PDB file of N, CA and C in Angstrom:
ATOM      1  N   GLN A   1     176.706 -32.579  -4.235  1.00  0.00           N
ATOM      2  CA  GLN A   1     176.059 -32.921  -2.981  1.00  0.00           C
ATOM      3  C   GLN A   1     176.547 -32.020  -1.871  1.00  0.00           C
ATOM      4  N   VAL A   2     175.703 -31.912  -0.849  1.00  0.00           N
ATOM      5  CA  VAL A   2     176.019 -31.064   0.299  1.00  0.00           C
ATOM      6  C   VAL A   2     175.962 -31.899   1.561  1.00  0.00           C
ATOM      7  N   HIS A   3     176.899 -31.632   2.455  1.00  0.00           N
ATOM      8  CA  HIS A   3     176.968 -32.374   3.711  1.00  0.00           C
ATOM      9  C   HIS A   3     176.987 -31.388   4.865  1.00  0.00           C
ATOM     10  N   LEU A   4     176.118 -31.615   5.860  1.00  0.00           N
ATOM     11  CA  LEU A   4     176.067 -30.760   7.053  1.00  0.00           C
ATOM     12  C   LEU A   4     176.517 -31.572   8.250  1.00  0.00           C
ATOM     13  N   VAL A   5     177.401 -31.002   9.049  1.00  0.00           N
ATOM     14  CA  VAL A   5     177.875 -31.657  10.261  1.00  0.00           C
ATOM     15  C   VAL A   5     177.628 -30.740  11.445  1.00  0.00           C
ATOM     16  N   GLU A   6     176.867 -31.251  12.396  1.00  0.00           N
ATOM     17  CA  GLU A   6     176.532 -30.493  13.596  1.00  0.00           C
ATOM     18  C   GLU A   6     177.396 -30.947  14.768  1.00  0.00           C
ATOM     19  N   SER A   7     177.589 -30.042  15.713  1.00  0.00           N
ATOM     20  CA  SER A   7     178.318 -30.386  16.923  1.00  0.00           C
ATOM     21  C   SER A   7     177.871 -29.472  18.047  1.00  0.00           C
ATOM     22  N   GLY A   8     178.154 -29.887  19.275  1.00  0.00           N
ATOM     23  CA  GLY A   8     177.950 -29.010  20.407  1.00  0.00           C
ATOM     24  C   GLY A   8     176.802 -29.331  21.333  1.00  0.00           C
ATOM     25  N   GLY A   9     176.012 -30.327  21.019  1.00  0.00           N
ATOM     26  CA  GLY A   9     174.922 -30.668  21.919  1.00  0.00           C
ATOM     27  C   GLY A   9     175.441 -31.326  23.187  1.00  0.00           C
ATOM     28  N   GLY A  10     174.530 -31.588  24.127  1.00  0.00           N
ATOM     29  CA  GLY A  10     174.934 -32.248  25.349  1.00  0.00           C
ATOM     30  C   GLY A  10     173.943 -32.029  26.462  1.00  0.00           C
ATOM     31  N   LEU A  11     174.402 -32.357  27.667  1.00  0.00           N
ATOM     32  CA  LEU A  11     173.585 -32.230  28.871  1.00  0.00           C
ATOM     33  C   LEU A  11     174.086 -31.048  29.690  1.00  0.00           C
ATOM     34  N   VAL A  12     173.155 -30.201  30.112  1.00  0.00           N
ATOM     35  CA  VAL A  12     173.520 -29.031  30.898  1.00  0.00           C
ATOM     36  C   VAL A  12     172.427 -28.764  31.922  1.00  0.00           C
ATOM     37  N   GLN A  13     172.808 -28.164  33.032  1.00  0.00           N
ATOM     38  CA  GLN A  13     171.819 -27.806  34.043  1.00  0.00           C
ATOM     39  C   GLN A  13     171.083 -26.533  33.645  1.00  0.00           C
ATOM     40  N   ALA A  14     169.893 -26.373  34.158  1.00  0.00           N
ATOM     41  CA  ALA A  14     169.123 -25.161  33.894  1.00  0.00           C
ATOM     42  C   ALA A  14     169.944 -23.939  34.288  1.00  0.00           C
ATOM     43  N   GLY A  15     169.889 -22.931  33.422  1.00  0.00           N
ATOM     44  CA  GLY A  15     170.679 -21.730  33.629  1.00  0.00           C
ATOM     45  C   GLY A  15     172.031 -21.758  32.950  1.00  0.00           C
ATOM     46  N   GLY A  16     172.407 -22.922  32.465  1.00  0.00           N
ATOM     47  CA  GLY A  16     173.699 -23.069  31.815  1.00  0.00           C
ATOM     48  C   GLY A  16     173.664 -22.662  30.355  1.00  0.00           C
ATOM     49  N   SER A  17     174.791 -22.899  29.689  1.00  0.00           N
ATOM     50  CA  SER A  17     174.946 -22.486  28.288  1.00  0.00           C
ATOM     51  C   SER A  17     175.514 -23.628  27.454  1.00  0.00           C
ATOM     52  N   LEU A  18     175.146 -23.593  26.185  1.00  0.00           N
ATOM     53  CA  LEU A  18     175.711 -24.499  25.193  1.00  0.00           C
ATOM     54  C   LEU A  18     175.858 -23.727  23.888  1.00  0.00           C
ATOM     55  N   ARG A  19     176.783 -24.177  23.069  1.00  0.00           N
ATOM     56  CA  ARG A  19     176.965 -23.582  21.749  1.00  0.00           C
ATOM     57  C   ARG A  19     176.917 -24.677  20.705  1.00  0.00           C
ATOM     58  N   LEU A  20     175.992 -24.546  19.774  1.00  0.00           N
ATOM     59  CA  LEU A  20     175.867 -25.485  18.665  1.00  0.00           C
ATOM     60  C   LEU A  20     176.537 -24.903  17.428  1.00  0.00           C
ATOM     61  N   SER A  21     177.141 -25.784  16.653  1.00  0.00           N
ATOM     62  CA  SER A  21     177.761 -25.355  15.397  1.00  0.00           C
ATOM     63  C   SER A  21     177.361 -26.306  14.277  1.00  0.00           C
ATOM     64  N   CYS A  22     177.330 -25.761  13.079  1.00  0.00           N
ATOM     65  CA  CYS A  22     176.975 -26.559  11.904  1.00  0.00           C
ATOM     66  C   CYS A  22     177.854 -26.103  10.751  1.00  0.00           C
ATOM     67  N   ALA A  23     178.507 -27.057  10.119  1.00  0.00           N
ATOM     68  CA  ALA A  23     179.398 -26.734   9.001  1.00  0.00           C
ATOM     69  C   ALA A  23     178.868 -27.397   7.734  1.00  0.00           C
ATOM     70  N   ALA A  24     178.768 -26.611   6.684  1.00  0.00           N
ATOM     71  CA  ALA A  24     178.311 -27.129   5.393  1.00  0.00           C
ATOM     72  C   ALA A  24     179.502 -27.307   4.465  1.00  0.00           C
ATOM     73  N   SER A  25     179.494 -28.410   3.741  1.00  0.00           N
ATOM     74  CA  SER A  25     180.571 -28.658   2.792  1.00  0.00           C
ATOM     75  C   SER A  25     179.988 -29.321   1.557  1.00  0.00           C
ATOM     76  N   GLY A  26     180.770 -29.274   0.475  1.00  0.00           N
ATOM     77  CA  GLY A  26     180.305 -29.872  -0.765  1.00  0.00           C
ATOM     78  C   GLY A  26     180.290 -28.865  -1.893  1.00  0.00           C
ATOM     79  N   SER A  27     179.421 -29.126  -2.859  1.00  0.00           N
ATOM     80  CA  SER A  27     179.325 -28.264  -4.042  1.00  0.00           C
ATOM     81  C   SER A  27     178.422 -27.077  -3.732  1.00  0.00           C
ATOM     82  N   ILE A  28     179.030 -26.016  -3.222  1.00  0.00           N
ATOM     83  CA  ILE A  28     178.274 -24.851  -2.754  1.00  0.00           C
ATOM     84  C   ILE A  28     178.701 -23.611  -3.513  1.00  0.00           C
ATOM     85  N   PHE A  29     177.756 -22.942  -4.134  1.00  0.00           N
ATOM     86  CA  PHE A  29     178.018 -21.645  -4.742  1.00  0.00           C
ATOM     87  C   PHE A  29     177.814 -20.547  -3.706  1.00  0.00           C
ATOM     88  N   SER A  30     176.693 -20.619  -3.026  1.00  0.00           N
ATOM     89  CA  SER A  30     176.400 -19.652  -1.980  1.00  0.00           C
ATOM     90  C   SER A  30     175.341 -20.239  -1.053  1.00  0.00           C
ATOM     91  N   ILE A  31     175.231 -19.654   0.117  1.00  0.00           N
ATOM     92  CA  ILE A  31     174.246 -20.085   1.113  1.00  0.00           C
ATOM     93  C   ILE A  31     173.387 -18.893   1.485  1.00  0.00           C
ATOM     94  N   ASN A  32     172.102 -19.036   1.302  1.00  0.00           N
ATOM     95  CA  ASN A  32     171.190 -17.947   1.668  1.00  0.00           C
ATOM     96  C   ASN A  32     170.826 -18.067   3.141  1.00  0.00           C
ATOM     97  N   LEU A  33     169.693 -18.602   3.426  1.00  0.00           N
ATOM     98  CA  LEU A  33     169.250 -18.731   4.810  1.00  0.00           C
ATOM     99  C   LEU A  33     169.983 -19.866   5.528  1.00  0.00           C
ATOM    100  N   MET A  34     170.322 -19.620   6.783  1.00  0.00           N
ATOM    101  CA  MET A  34     170.856 -20.638   7.668  1.00  0.00           C
ATOM    102  C   MET A  34     170.066 -20.557   8.959  1.00  0.00           C
ATOM    103  N   GLY A  35     169.736 -21.694   9.502  1.00  0.00           N
ATOM    104  CA  GLY A  35     168.911 -21.633  10.695  1.00  0.00           C
ATOM    105  C   GLY A  35     168.992 -22.883  11.542  1.00  0.00           C
ATOM    106  N   TRP A  36     168.327 -22.801  12.667  1.00  0.00           N
ATOM    107  CA  TRP A  36     168.222 -23.922  13.600  1.00  0.00           C
ATOM    108  C   TRP A  36     166.748 -24.173  13.911  1.00  0.00           C
ATOM    109  N   HIS A  37     166.398 -25.421  13.896  1.00  0.00           N
ATOM    110  CA  HIS A  37     165.075 -25.869  14.317  1.00  0.00           C
ATOM    111  C   HIS A  37     165.274 -26.843  15.465  1.00  0.00           C
ATOM    112  N   ARG A  38     164.198 -27.144  16.166  1.00  0.00           N
ATOM    113  CA  ARG A  38     164.280 -28.150  17.224  1.00  0.00           C
ATOM    114  C   ARG A  38     162.987 -28.937  17.287  1.00  0.00           C
ATOM    115  N   GLN A  39     163.127 -30.159  17.789  1.00  0.00           N
ATOM    116  CA  GLN A  39     161.970 -31.015  17.960  1.00  0.00           C
ATOM    117  C   GLN A  39     162.067 -31.728  19.284  1.00  0.00           C
ATOM    118  N   ALA A  40     161.101 -31.439  20.145  1.00  0.00           N
ATOM    119  CA  ALA A  40     161.016 -32.095  21.439  1.00  0.00           C
ATOM    120  C   ALA A  40     160.156 -33.349  21.298  1.00  0.00           C
ATOM    121  N   PRO A  41     160.315 -34.313  22.206  1.00  0.00           N
ATOM    122  CA  PRO A  41     159.517 -35.543  22.122  1.00  0.00           C
ATOM    123  C   PRO A  41     158.021 -35.249  22.113  1.00  0.00           C
ATOM    124  N   GLY A  42     157.333 -35.815  21.157  1.00  0.00           N
ATOM    125  CA  GLY A  42     155.894 -35.643  21.076  1.00  0.00           C
ATOM    126  C   GLY A  42     155.423 -34.324  20.508  1.00  0.00           C
ATOM    127  N   LYS A  43     156.378 -33.510  20.049  1.00  0.00           N
ATOM    128  CA  LYS A  43     156.015 -32.205  19.516  1.00  0.00           C
ATOM    129  C   LYS A  43     156.501 -32.065  18.077  1.00  0.00           C
ATOM    130  N   GLN A  44     155.920 -31.093  17.381  1.00  0.00           N
ATOM    131  CA  GLN A  44     156.348 -30.824  16.011  1.00  0.00           C
ATOM    132  C   GLN A  44     157.663 -30.052  16.003  1.00  0.00           C
ATOM    133  N   ARG A  45     158.389 -30.195  14.913  1.00  0.00           N
ATOM    134  CA  ARG A  45     159.620 -29.438  14.755  1.00  0.00           C
ATOM    135  C   ARG A  45     159.267 -27.955  14.642  1.00  0.00           C
ATOM    136  N   GLU A  46     160.040 -27.118  15.313  1.00  0.00           N
ATOM    137  CA  GLU A  46     159.773 -25.696  15.303  1.00  0.00           C
ATOM    138  C   GLU A  46     161.043 -24.907  14.982  1.00  0.00           C
ATOM    139  N   LEU A  47     160.828 -23.743  14.392  1.00  0.00           N
ATOM    140  CA  LEU A  47     161.950 -22.857  14.089  1.00  0.00           C
ATOM    141  C   LEU A  47     162.441 -22.200  15.377  1.00  0.00           C
ATOM    142  N   VAL A  48     163.758 -22.219  15.563  1.00  0.00           N
ATOM    143  CA  VAL A  48     164.358 -21.571  16.720  1.00  0.00           C
ATOM    144  C   VAL A  48     164.933 -20.209  16.320  1.00  0.00           C
ATOM    145  N   ALA A  49     165.746 -20.213  15.280  1.00  0.00           N
ATOM    146  CA  ALA A  49     166.393 -18.970  14.844  1.00  0.00           C
ATOM    147  C   ALA A  49     166.834 -19.123  13.400  1.00  0.00           C
ATOM    148  N   VAL A  50     166.870 -17.998  12.695  1.00  0.00           N
ATOM    149  CA  VAL A  50     167.309 -18.001  11.301  1.00  0.00           C
ATOM    150  C   VAL A  50     168.132 -16.746  11.050  1.00  0.00           C
ATOM    151  N   ILE A  51     169.094 -16.851  10.127  1.00  0.00           N
ATOM    152  CA  ILE A  51     169.948 -15.726   9.793  1.00  0.00           C
ATOM    153  C   ILE A  51     170.141 -15.695   8.281  1.00  0.00           C
ATOM    154  N   THR A  52     170.023 -14.501   7.707  1.00  0.00           N
ATOM    155  CA  THR A  52     170.208 -14.348   6.269  1.00  0.00           C
ATOM    156  C   THR A  52     171.682 -14.117   5.953  1.00  0.00           C
ATOM    157  N   LYS A  53     171.957 -14.069   4.671  1.00  0.00           N
ATOM    158  CA  LYS A  53     173.330 -13.846   4.230  1.00  0.00           C
ATOM    159  C   LYS A  53     173.831 -12.467   4.667  1.00  0.00           C
ATOM    160  N   ASP A  54     172.905 -11.536   4.851  1.00  0.00           N
ATOM    161  CA  ASP A  54     173.246 -10.178   5.290  1.00  0.00           C
ATOM    162  C   ASP A  54     173.177 -10.017   6.805  1.00  0.00           C
ATOM    163  N   ASP A  55     173.106 -11.152   7.512  1.00  0.00           N
ATOM    164  CA  ASP A  55     173.111 -11.166   8.980  1.00  0.00           C
ATOM    165  C   ASP A  55     171.839 -10.613   9.615  1.00  0.00           C
ATOM    166  N   ASN A  56     170.750 -10.605   8.876  1.00  0.00           N
ATOM    167  CA  ASN A  56     169.465 -10.307   9.499  1.00  0.00           C
ATOM    168  C   ASN A  56     168.989 -11.558  10.213  1.00  0.00           C
ATOM    169  N   THR A  57     168.490 -11.389  11.418  1.00  0.00           N
ATOM    170  CA  THR A  57     168.124 -12.539  12.236  1.00  0.00           C
ATOM    171  C   THR A  57     166.659 -12.499  12.657  1.00  0.00           C
ATOM    172  N   ASN A  58     166.146 -13.666  12.978  1.00  0.00           N
ATOM    173  CA  ASN A  58     164.801 -13.781  13.505  1.00  0.00           C
ATOM    174  C   ASN A  58     164.791 -14.940  14.498  1.00  0.00           C
ATOM    175  N   TYR A  59     164.074 -14.762  15.593  1.00  0.00           N
ATOM    176  CA  TYR A  59     164.068 -15.761  16.657  1.00  0.00           C
ATOM    177  C   TYR A  59     162.646 -16.126  17.050  1.00  0.00           C
ATOM    178  N   ALA A  60     162.490 -17.344  17.516  1.00  0.00           N
ATOM    179  CA  ALA A  60     161.240 -17.719  18.147  1.00  0.00           C
ATOM    180  C   ALA A  60     161.096 -16.904  19.424  1.00  0.00           C
ATOM    181  N   ASP A  61     159.870 -16.555  19.753  1.00  0.00           N
ATOM    182  CA  ASP A  61     159.637 -15.745  20.951  1.00  0.00           C
ATOM    183  C   ASP A  61     160.201 -16.418  22.204  1.00  0.00           C
ATOM    184  N   SER A  62     160.156 -17.732  22.228  1.00  0.00           N
ATOM    185  CA  SER A  62     160.567 -18.467  23.419  1.00  0.00           C
ATOM    186  C   SER A  62     162.073 -18.394  23.684  1.00  0.00           C
ATOM    187  N   VAL A  63     162.855 -17.990  22.692  1.00  0.00           N
ATOM    188  CA  VAL A  63     164.308 -17.962  22.887  1.00  0.00           C
ATOM    189  C   VAL A  63     164.894 -16.556  22.769  1.00  0.00           C
ATOM    190  N   LYS A  64     164.067 -15.586  22.454  1.00  0.00           N
ATOM    191  CA  LYS A  64     164.569 -14.218  22.300  1.00  0.00           C
ATOM    192  C   LYS A  64     165.233 -13.743  23.581  1.00  0.00           C
ATOM    193  N   GLY A  65     166.401 -13.131  23.414  1.00  0.00           N
ATOM    194  CA  GLY A  65     167.144 -12.634  24.560  1.00  0.00           C
ATOM    195  C   GLY A  65     168.028 -13.668  25.219  1.00  0.00           C
ATOM    196  N   ARG A  66     167.865 -14.933  24.836  1.00  0.00           N
ATOM    197  CA  ARG A  66     168.678 -15.999  25.432  1.00  0.00           C
ATOM    198  C   ARG A  66     169.591 -16.670  24.403  1.00  0.00           C
ATOM    199  N   PHE A  67     169.107 -16.798  23.192  1.00  0.00           N
ATOM    200  CA  PHE A  67     169.868 -17.456  22.119  1.00  0.00           C
ATOM    201  C   PHE A  67     170.361 -16.422  21.125  1.00  0.00           C
ATOM    202  N   THR A  68     171.528 -16.699  20.554  1.00  0.00           N
ATOM    203  CA  THR A  68     172.090 -15.838  19.515  1.00  0.00           C
ATOM    204  C   THR A  68     172.594 -16.690  18.358  1.00  0.00           C
ATOM    205  N   ILE A  69     172.101 -16.392  17.164  1.00  0.00           N
ATOM    206  CA  ILE A  69     172.558 -17.105  15.976  1.00  0.00           C
ATOM    207  C   ILE A  69     173.586 -16.251  15.251  1.00  0.00           C
ATOM    208  N   SER A  70     174.584 -16.908  14.696  1.00  0.00           N
ATOM    209  CA  SER A  70     175.621 -16.197  13.937  1.00  0.00           C
ATOM    210  C   SER A  70     176.114 -17.099  12.820  1.00  0.00           C
ATOM    211  N   ARG A  71     176.784 -16.504  11.850  1.00  0.00           N
ATOM    212  CA  ARG A  71     177.298 -17.290  10.729  1.00  0.00           C
ATOM    213  C   ARG A  71     178.636 -16.761  10.276  1.00  0.00           C
ATOM    214  N   ASP A  72     179.390 -17.651   9.657  1.00  0.00           N
ATOM    215  CA  ASP A  72     180.663 -17.287   9.063  1.00  0.00           C
ATOM    216  C   ASP A  72     180.569 -17.676   7.592  1.00  0.00           C
ATOM    217  N   ASN A  73     180.375 -16.703   6.740  1.00  0.00           N
ATOM    218  CA  ASN A  73     180.162 -16.990   5.326  1.00  0.00           C
ATOM    219  C   ASN A  73     181.414 -17.568   4.655  1.00  0.00           C
ATOM    220  N   ALA A  74     182.566 -17.198   5.148  1.00  0.00           N
ATOM    221  CA  ALA A  74     183.808 -17.715   4.556  1.00  0.00           C
ATOM    222  C   ALA A  74     183.981 -19.205   4.842  1.00  0.00           C
ATOM    223  N   LYS A  75     183.454 -19.646   5.980  1.00  0.00           N
ATOM    224  CA  LYS A  75     183.605 -21.048   6.384  1.00  0.00           C
ATOM    225  C   LYS A  75     182.334 -21.867   6.198  1.00  0.00           C
ATOM    226  N   ASN A  76     181.272 -21.208   5.739  1.00  0.00           N
ATOM    227  CA  ASN A  76     179.975 -21.883   5.571  1.00  0.00           C
ATOM    228  C   ASN A  76     179.510 -22.552   6.863  1.00  0.00           C
ATOM    229  N   THR A  77     179.600 -21.800   7.941  1.00  0.00           N
ATOM    230  CA  THR A  77     179.163 -22.327   9.227  1.00  0.00           C
ATOM    231  C   THR A  77     178.098 -21.431   9.846  1.00  0.00           C
ATOM    232  N   VAL A  78     177.281 -22.039  10.661  1.00  0.00           N
ATOM    233  CA  VAL A  78     176.284 -21.316  11.444  1.00  0.00           C
ATOM    234  C   VAL A  78     176.355 -21.847  12.867  1.00  0.00           C
ATOM    235  N   SER A  79     176.227 -20.933  13.821  1.00  0.00           N
ATOM    236  CA  SER A  79     176.308 -21.310  15.228  1.00  0.00           C
ATOM    237  C   SER A  79     175.104 -20.785  15.983  1.00  0.00           C
ATOM    238  N   LEU A  80     174.826 -21.427  17.098  1.00  0.00           N
ATOM    239  CA  LEU A  80     173.737 -21.003  17.971  1.00  0.00           C
ATOM    240  C   LEU A  80     174.263 -20.998  19.397  1.00  0.00           C
ATOM    241  N   GLN A  81     174.425 -19.821  19.948  1.00  0.00           N
ATOM    242  CA  GLN A  81     174.829 -19.675  21.347  1.00  0.00           C
ATOM    243  C   GLN A  81     173.564 -19.665  22.200  1.00  0.00           C
ATOM    244  N   MET A  82     173.477 -20.620  23.104  1.00  0.00           N
ATOM    245  CA  MET A  82     172.281 -20.755  23.923  1.00  0.00           C
ATOM    246  C   MET A  82     172.646 -20.492  25.379  1.00  0.00           C
ATOM    247  N   ASN A  83     172.096 -19.438  25.936  1.00  0.00           N
ATOM    248  CA  ASN A  83     172.333 -19.078  27.327  1.00  0.00           C
ATOM    249  C   ASN A  83     171.045 -19.192  28.134  1.00  0.00           C
ATOM    250  N   SER A  84     171.206 -19.194  29.440  1.00  0.00           N
ATOM    251  CA  SER A  84     170.045 -19.270  30.343  1.00  0.00           C
ATOM    252  C   SER A  84     169.099 -20.385  29.917  1.00  0.00           C
ATOM    253  N   LEU A  85     169.660 -21.540  29.683  1.00  0.00           N
ATOM    254  CA  LEU A  85     168.861 -22.666  29.187  1.00  0.00           C
ATOM    255  C   LEU A  85     167.828 -23.111  30.209  1.00  0.00           C
ATOM    256  N   LYS A  86     166.691 -23.541  29.690  1.00  0.00           N
ATOM    257  CA  LYS A  86     165.582 -24.001  30.510  1.00  0.00           C
ATOM    258  C   LYS A  86     165.269 -25.455  30.162  1.00  0.00           C
ATOM    259  N   PRO A  87     164.657 -26.185  31.079  1.00  0.00           N
ATOM    260  CA  PRO A  87     164.282 -27.579  30.762  1.00  0.00           C
ATOM    261  C   PRO A  87     163.428 -27.681  29.498  1.00  0.00           C
ATOM    262  N   GLU A  88     162.615 -26.684  29.237  1.00  0.00           N
ATOM    263  CA  GLU A  88     161.765 -26.721  28.043  1.00  0.00           C
ATOM    264  C   GLU A  88     162.539 -26.518  26.743  1.00  0.00           C
ATOM    265  N   ASP A  89     163.829 -26.218  26.851  1.00  0.00           N
ATOM    266  CA  ASP A  89     164.676 -26.141  25.660  1.00  0.00           C
ATOM    267  C   ASP A  89     165.178 -27.521  25.239  1.00  0.00           C
ATOM    268  N   THR A  90     164.908 -28.526  26.051  1.00  0.00           N
ATOM    269  CA  THR A  90     165.331 -29.877  25.728  1.00  0.00           C
ATOM    270  C   THR A  90     164.692 -30.353  24.430  1.00  0.00           C
ATOM    271  N   ALA A  91     165.535 -30.764  23.492  1.00  0.00           N
ATOM    272  CA  ALA A  91     165.053 -31.181  22.176  1.00  0.00           C
ATOM    273  C   ALA A  91     166.235 -31.645  21.335  1.00  0.00           C
ATOM    274  N   VAL A  92     165.921 -32.217  20.195  1.00  0.00           N
ATOM    275  CA  VAL A  92     166.938 -32.444  19.174  1.00  0.00           C
ATOM    276  C   VAL A  92     166.985 -31.199  18.300  1.00  0.00           C
ATOM    277  N   TYR A  93     168.157 -30.645  18.142  1.00  0.00           N
ATOM    278  CA  TYR A  93     168.326 -29.415  17.365  1.00  0.00           C
ATOM    279  C   TYR A  93     168.891 -29.762  15.993  1.00  0.00           C
ATOM    280  N   TYR A  94     168.262 -29.188  14.980  1.00  0.00           N
ATOM    281  CA  TYR A  94     168.644 -29.469  13.592  1.00  0.00           C
ATOM    282  C   TYR A  94     169.111 -28.195  12.889  1.00  0.00           C
ATOM    283  N   CYS A  95     170.218 -28.295  12.241  1.00  0.00           N
ATOM    284  CA  CYS A  95     170.704 -27.223  11.382  1.00  0.00           C
ATOM    285  C   CYS A  95     169.960 -27.312  10.047  1.00  0.00           C
ATOM    286  N   ASN A  96     169.598 -26.175   9.494  1.00  0.00           N
ATOM    287  CA  ASN A  96     168.880 -26.119   8.224  1.00  0.00           C
ATOM    288  C   ASN A  96     169.487 -25.022   7.362  1.00  0.00           C
ATOM    289  N   VAL A  97     169.842 -25.383   6.139  1.00  0.00           N
ATOM    290  CA  VAL A  97     170.584 -24.443   5.295  1.00  0.00           C
ATOM    291  C   VAL A  97     170.000 -24.449   3.888  1.00  0.00           C
ATOM    292  N   LEU A  98     169.782 -23.271   3.330  1.00  0.00           N
ATOM    293  CA  LEU A  98     169.306 -23.143   1.953  1.00  0.00           C
ATOM    294  C   LEU A  98     170.509 -22.835   1.070  1.00  0.00           C
ATOM    295  N   ILE A  99     170.865 -23.815   0.242  1.00  0.00           N
ATOM    296  CA  ILE A  99     172.126 -23.759  -0.497  1.00  0.00           C
ATOM    297  C   ILE A  99     171.875 -23.647  -1.983  1.00  0.00           C
ATOM    298  N   ILE A 100     172.687 -22.840  -2.639  1.00  0.00           N
ATOM    299  CA  ILE A 100     172.678 -22.752  -4.097  1.00  0.00           C
ATOM    300  C   ILE A 100     173.969 -23.386  -4.608  1.00  0.00           C
ATOM    301  N   GLY A 101     173.802 -24.371  -5.479  1.00  0.00           N
ATOM    302  CA  GLY A 101     174.958 -25.055  -6.030  1.00  0.00           C
ATOM    303  C   GLY A 101     174.746 -25.417  -7.471  1.00  0.00           C
ATOM    304  N   PRO A 102     175.633 -26.222  -8.011  1.00  0.00           N
ATOM    305  CA  PRO A 102     175.488 -26.627  -9.422  1.00  0.00           C
ATOM    306  C   PRO A 102     174.217 -27.428  -9.662  1.00  0.00           C
ATOM    307  N   PHE A 103     173.639 -27.954  -8.602  1.00  0.00           N
ATOM    308  CA  PHE A 103     172.410 -28.733  -8.671  1.00  0.00           C
ATOM    309  C   PHE A 103     171.179 -27.847  -8.626  1.00  0.00           C
ATOM    310  N   GLY A 104     171.372 -26.564  -8.379  1.00  0.00           N
ATOM    311  CA  GLY A 104     170.231 -25.657  -8.210  1.00  0.00           C
ATOM    312  C   GLY A 104     170.143 -25.232  -6.762  1.00  0.00           C
ATOM    313  N   VAL A 105     168.939 -25.255  -6.206  1.00  0.00           N
ATOM    314  CA  VAL A 105     168.706 -24.852  -4.819  1.00  0.00           C
ATOM    315  C   VAL A 105     168.367 -26.087  -4.003  1.00  0.00           C
ATOM    316  N   ALA A 106     168.999 -26.208  -2.868  1.00  0.00           N
ATOM    317  CA  ALA A 106     168.740 -27.357  -2.006  1.00  0.00           C
ATOM    318  C   ALA A 106     168.485 -26.890  -0.579  1.00  0.00           C
ATOM    319  N   ASN A 107     167.449 -27.441   0.028  1.00  0.00           N
ATOM    320  CA  ASN A 107     167.143 -27.176   1.433  1.00  0.00           C
ATOM    321  C   ASN A 107     167.692 -28.358   2.226  1.00  0.00           C
ATOM    322  N   SER A 108     168.820 -28.170   2.877  1.00  0.00           N
ATOM    323  CA  SER A 108     169.512 -29.273   3.519  1.00  0.00           C
ATOM    324  C   SER A 108     169.361 -29.248   5.034  1.00  0.00           C
ATOM    325  N   TRP A 109     169.315 -30.440   5.624  1.00  0.00           N
ATOM    326  CA  TRP A 109     169.173 -30.602   7.062  1.00  0.00           C
ATOM    327  C   TRP A 109     170.350 -31.381   7.625  1.00  0.00           C
ATOM    328  N   GLY A 110     170.768 -30.986   8.834  1.00  0.00           N
ATOM    329  CA  GLY A 110     171.756 -31.744   9.557  1.00  0.00           C
ATOM    330  C   GLY A 110     171.133 -32.976  10.180  1.00  0.00           C
ATOM    331  N   GLN A 111     171.978 -33.785  10.800  1.00  0.00           N
ATOM    332  CA  GLN A 111     171.511 -35.048  11.363  1.00  0.00           C
ATOM    333  C   GLN A 111     170.840 -34.867  12.711  1.00  0.00           C
ATOM    334  N   GLY A 112     171.018 -33.702  13.310  1.00  0.00           N
ATOM    335  CA  GLY A 112     170.421 -33.420  14.610  1.00  0.00           C
ATOM    336  C   GLY A 112     171.398 -33.662  15.748  1.00  0.00           C
ATOM    337  N   THR A 113     171.305 -32.828  16.760  1.00  0.00           N
ATOM    338  CA  THR A 113     172.133 -32.984  17.954  1.00  0.00           C
ATOM    339  C   THR A 113     171.258 -32.788  19.178  1.00  0.00           C
ATOM    340  N   GLN A 114     171.412 -33.667  20.141  1.00  0.00           N
ATOM    341  CA  GLN A 114     170.549 -33.659  21.329  1.00  0.00           C
ATOM    342  C   GLN A 114     171.007 -32.605  22.334  1.00  0.00           C
ATOM    343  N   VAL A 115     170.070 -31.813  22.787  1.00  0.00           N
ATOM    344  CA  VAL A 115     170.299 -30.864  23.879  1.00  0.00           C
ATOM    345  C   VAL A 115     169.353 -31.245  25.007  1.00  0.00           C
ATOM    346  N   THR A 116     169.919 -31.508  26.168  1.00  0.00           N
ATOM    347  CA  THR A 116     169.125 -31.878  27.332  1.00  0.00           C
ATOM    348  C   THR A 116     169.442 -30.928  28.469  1.00  0.00           C
ATOM    349  N   VAL A 117     168.404 -30.290  28.991  1.00  0.00           N
ATOM    350  CA  VAL A 117     168.563 -29.340  30.084  1.00  0.00           C
ATOM    351  C   VAL A 117     167.872 -29.918  31.307  1.00  0.00           C
ATOM    352  N   SER A 118     168.641 -30.144  32.349  1.00  0.00           N
ATOM    353  CA  SER A 118     168.087 -30.717  33.575  1.00  0.00           C
ATOM    354  C   SER A 118     167.685 -29.615  34.554  1.00  0.00           C
ATOM    355  N   SER A 119     166.655 -29.899  35.314  1.00  0.00           N
ATOM    356  CA  SER A 119     166.158 -28.893  36.266  1.00  0.00           C
ATOM    357  C   SER A 119     166.864 -29.003  37.601  1.00  0.00           C
TER     358      SER A 119
END
């Protein structure tokens, strides 16, 4: 089994910064894609950023230049540095990890962490 623990959400004023972290633990052989999604009230969950094992990254257009995703393969962690936050960034942020283990391949999700940006 795999367990994801997220941290770092909270309340911040517009223009401020937050850093989200997600740690994966359990029966893990390797981790391919690691990413962050978000879901605002009344909206569908959307991809925010993703990073491959080789550190190739991709971002939603709405966060390019403001958010930075990074990973530590030795610690099985992924982080999201969010700068210049806007009220429209308010959402529950979910860590998403594609894991290879003794069970095969698993697409695992974190429990979600609330990010609220006030104007």
